[in-house]
Amino acid sequence: MLFVKNVQFTRLVKADGSLREFNFRKHTDSQGGILFSVDVCDLRNNRIAFKMQHKETAWKIVQSLVPEWVTKNEHILNQLIEEELKNAS
């Protein structure tokens, strides 16, 4: 029997002048690569969902149809994922 540890966490990030709650969940894609699905609410409580994938040396947003305040904080999201993976191992 194979057990896979579920990695799921929430962090607060100041984005677009407001403190926002980003929710992260680790999973694998169809090729066996690691992805993180991330979701956050905007000021109108609309849920924004996107995926992040490790490319070269950092975690990057896969889809480009996210608000600018999300892409501006991509480096912070990368840092949060790296810290969580380090603590989880």
C-alpha atoms as a PDB file:
ATOM      1  CA  MET A   1       0.000   0.000   0.000  1.00  0.00           C
ATOM      2  CA  LEU A   2       1.365   3.437  -0.980  1.00  0.00           C
ATOM      3  CA  PHE A   3       0.647   6.499   1.137  1.00  0.00           C
ATOM      4  CA  VAL A   4       1.041   9.984  -0.320  1.00  0.00           C
ATOM      5  CA  LYS A   5       1.153  12.935   2.057  1.00  0.00           C
ATOM      6  CA  ASN A   6      -1.486  15.563   1.338  1.00  0.00           C
ATOM      7  CA  VAL A   7      -0.012  19.071   1.348  1.00  0.00           C
ATOM      8  CA  GLN A   8      -2.585  21.798   1.837  1.00  0.00           C
ATOM      9  CA  PHE A   9      -2.059  25.191   3.463  1.00  0.00           C
ATOM     10  CA  THR A  10      -3.336  28.761   3.674  1.00  0.00           C
ATOM     11  CA  ARG A  11      -1.302  31.959   3.924  1.00  0.00           C
ATOM     12  CA  LEU A  12      -2.200  35.645   4.167  1.00  0.00           C
ATOM     13  CA  VAL A  13      -0.542  37.928   1.620  1.00  0.00           C
ATOM     14  CA  LYS A  14      -0.919  41.675   1.219  1.00  0.00           C
ATOM     15  CA  ALA A  15      -1.973  42.157  -2.408  1.00  0.00           C
ATOM     16  CA  ASP A  16      -3.570  45.143  -4.132  1.00  0.00           C
ATOM     17  CA  GLY A  17      -3.688  47.031  -0.826  1.00  0.00           C
ATOM     18  CA  SER A  18      -5.614  44.313   1.035  1.00  0.00           C
ATOM     19  CA  LEU A  19      -4.716  41.280   3.091  1.00  0.00           C
ATOM     20  CA  ARG A  20      -5.827  38.233   1.074  1.00  0.00           C
ATOM     21  CA  GLU A  21      -6.115  34.577   1.997  1.00  0.00           C
ATOM     22  CA  PHE A  22      -4.369  32.311  -0.522  1.00  0.00           C
ATOM     23  CA  ASN A  23      -5.208  28.594  -0.317  1.00  0.00           C
ATOM     24  CA  PHE A  24      -2.704  26.089  -1.730  1.00  0.00           C
ATOM     25  CA  ARG A  25      -3.133  22.394  -2.520  1.00  0.00           C
ATOM     26  CA  LYS A  26      -0.457  20.088  -3.929  1.00  0.00           C
ATOM     27  CA  HIS A  27      -1.351  17.463  -6.530  1.00  0.00           C
ATOM     28  CA  THR A  28       0.164  15.684  -9.525  1.00  0.00           C
ATOM     29  CA  ASP A  29      -0.683  16.186 -13.182  1.00  0.00           C
ATOM     30  CA  SER A  30      -1.260  13.425 -15.749  1.00  0.00           C
ATOM     31  CA  GLN A  31       2.501  13.193 -16.479  1.00  0.00           C
ATOM     32  CA  GLY A  32       3.379  12.802 -12.797  1.00  0.00           C
ATOM     33  CA  GLY A  33       4.611  16.387 -12.367  1.00  0.00           C
ATOM     34  CA  ILE A  34       3.818  18.400  -9.252  1.00  0.00           C
ATOM     35  CA  LEU A  35       1.322  21.250  -9.416  1.00  0.00           C
ATOM     36  CA  PHE A  36      -0.185  23.508  -6.804  1.00  0.00           C
ATOM     37  CA  SER A  37      -3.742  24.686  -7.240  1.00  0.00           C
ATOM     38  CA  VAL A  38      -4.184  28.098  -5.637  1.00  0.00           C
ATOM     39  CA  ASP A  39      -7.329  30.062  -4.956  1.00  0.00           C
ATOM     40  CA  VAL A  40      -8.031  33.503  -3.554  1.00  0.00           C
ATOM     41  CA  CYS A  41     -11.011  35.868  -3.414  1.00  0.00           C
ATOM     42  CA  ASP A  42     -11.062  39.341  -4.930  1.00  0.00           C
ATOM     43  CA  LEU A  43     -12.717  42.333  -3.243  1.00  0.00           C
ATOM     44  CA  ARG A  44     -16.130  41.300  -4.624  1.00  0.00           C
ATOM     45  CA  ASN A  45     -15.727  37.786  -3.163  1.00  0.00           C
ATOM     46  CA  ASN A  46     -15.270  36.227  -6.596  1.00  0.00           C
ATOM     47  CA  ARG A  47     -13.035  33.171  -6.313  1.00  0.00           C
ATOM     48  CA  ILE A  48      -9.916  33.275  -8.506  1.00  0.00           C
ATOM     49  CA  ALA A  49      -8.375  29.853  -9.099  1.00  0.00           C
ATOM     50  CA  PHE A  50      -5.121  29.079 -10.893  1.00  0.00           C
ATOM     51  CA  LYS A  51      -2.301  26.560 -10.934  1.00  0.00           C
ATOM     52  CA  MET A  52       1.398  26.953 -10.267  1.00  0.00           C
ATOM     53  CA  GLN A  53       4.071  24.667 -11.691  1.00  0.00           C
ATOM     54  CA  HIS A  54       7.791  24.456 -10.970  1.00  0.00           C
ATOM     55  CA  LYS A  55       9.627  25.729 -14.053  1.00  0.00           C
ATOM     56  CA  GLU A  56      13.414  25.978 -14.103  1.00  0.00           C
ATOM     57  CA  THR A  57      14.150  27.473 -10.668  1.00  0.00           C
ATOM     58  CA  ALA A  58      10.797  28.773  -9.387  1.00  0.00           C
ATOM     59  CA  TRP A  59       7.070  28.107  -9.098  1.00  0.00           C
ATOM     60  CA  LYS A  60       5.247  29.976 -11.878  1.00  0.00           C
ATOM     61  CA  ILE A  61       1.582  30.667 -12.622  1.00  0.00           C
ATOM     62  CA  VAL A  62       0.446  28.337 -15.418  1.00  0.00           C
ATOM     63  CA  GLN A  63      -2.589  30.277 -16.629  1.00  0.00           C
ATOM     64  CA  SER A  64      -2.207  33.898 -17.638  1.00  0.00           C
ATOM     65  CA  LEU A  65      -5.840  34.937 -17.084  1.00  0.00           C
ATOM     66  CA  VAL A  66      -5.417  36.126 -13.514  1.00  0.00           C
ATOM     67  CA  PRO A  67      -5.603  39.684 -12.225  1.00  0.00           C
ATOM     68  CA  GLU A  68      -2.434  41.772 -12.265  1.00  0.00           C
ATOM     69  CA  TRP A  69      -2.314  41.905  -8.457  1.00  0.00           C
ATOM     70  CA  VAL A  70      -1.899  38.098  -8.476  1.00  0.00           C
ATOM     71  CA  THR A  71       0.918  38.060 -11.050  1.00  0.00           C
ATOM     72  CA  LYS A  72       2.703  40.890  -9.213  1.00  0.00           C
ATOM     73  CA  ASN A  73       2.876  38.608  -6.161  1.00  0.00           C
ATOM     74  CA  GLU A  74       4.024  35.481  -8.011  1.00  0.00           C
ATOM     75  CA  HIS A  75       7.453  35.685  -6.340  1.00  0.00           C
ATOM     76  CA  ILE A  76       5.822  35.737  -2.897  1.00  0.00           C
ATOM     77  CA  LEU A  77       3.625  32.750  -3.767  1.00  0.00           C
ATOM     78  CA  ASN A  78       6.748  30.927  -4.974  1.00  0.00           C
ATOM     79  CA  GLN A  79       8.436  31.671  -1.650  1.00  0.00           C
ATOM     80  CA  LEU A  80       5.443  30.400   0.342  1.00  0.00           C
ATOM     81  CA  ILE A  81       5.358  27.114  -1.608  1.00  0.00           C
ATOM     82  CA  GLU A  82       9.107  26.595  -1.151  1.00  0.00           C
ATOM     83  CA  GLU A  83       8.842  27.222   2.612  1.00  0.00           C
ATOM     84  CA  GLU A  84       5.921  24.808   2.979  1.00  0.00           C
ATOM     85  CA  LEU A  85       7.665  22.048   1.006  1.00  0.00           C
ATOM     86  CA  LYS A  86      10.778  22.511   3.125  1.00  0.00           C
ATOM     87  CA  ASN A  87       8.747  22.256   6.344  1.00  0.00           C
ATOM     88  CA  ALA A  88       6.698  19.278   5.084  1.00  0.00           C
ATOM     89  CA  SER A  89       9.743  17.111   4.404  1.00  0.00           C
END
